[in-house]
Amino acid sequence: MSDAGLADAVFYLLAAATAISAAGVAFSRNIVYSAFSLMGTLLGAAGLYVLLAADFVAVIQVLIYVGGILVLTLFAVMLTHRIADVRISNRAVGRIPALAILTVAGLVMGRAILAAKWHQLAELPAATPTTAGIGNSLLGEYVLPFEIASVVLLAALVGAVVLSRKELR
């Protein structure tokens, strides 16, 4: 199998895994299973970013969304009393209107895809990693805005700690 064929196979495999995980998020009746399906979706999206040579975005996707927000969501679910047992009662409401809206939106998107004039390059340029360039820019010409942003984030973190601290009397 050629490199292009292997890359296409990996792309379609990641896209299918991402879509299946997204369906798990949407259709799961348990919020914990939905959260774990969301993790699969976010990791699949990160894999797609890697295939598109956006390695920095992929790492940020994993660190922020999977490592931060998803773990925070899971902790919130686990620390909330018996939220894992909650069943959503209005699942059957609005399925037919939702299906009609989905069909119309799909038809509009399909028409837009078919009507668009797609520009194709004769040969794609070689994909280069972006992390080194971003790192050099943050420590080079954008060092002052980077340091100012880090000081603002540090002040916000200290403020959050001070506001959440209980006073002992």
Foldseek 3Di string as FASTA:
>chain_A
DDPVVVLVVVLVVLVVQLVVLCVQLVPPQFNVSNLVSVLSNLLSVLVNCVSVLANVVSVCSCCPVVVPVSVVVVVVCVPPPPSRVDGDDCPVPPPVVVVVVVVVVVVVVVVCVVPDDDDDDPDDDDRDHCPVVVVCCCVDVVVVVNVVVVVVVVVVVVVVVVVPDDDDD
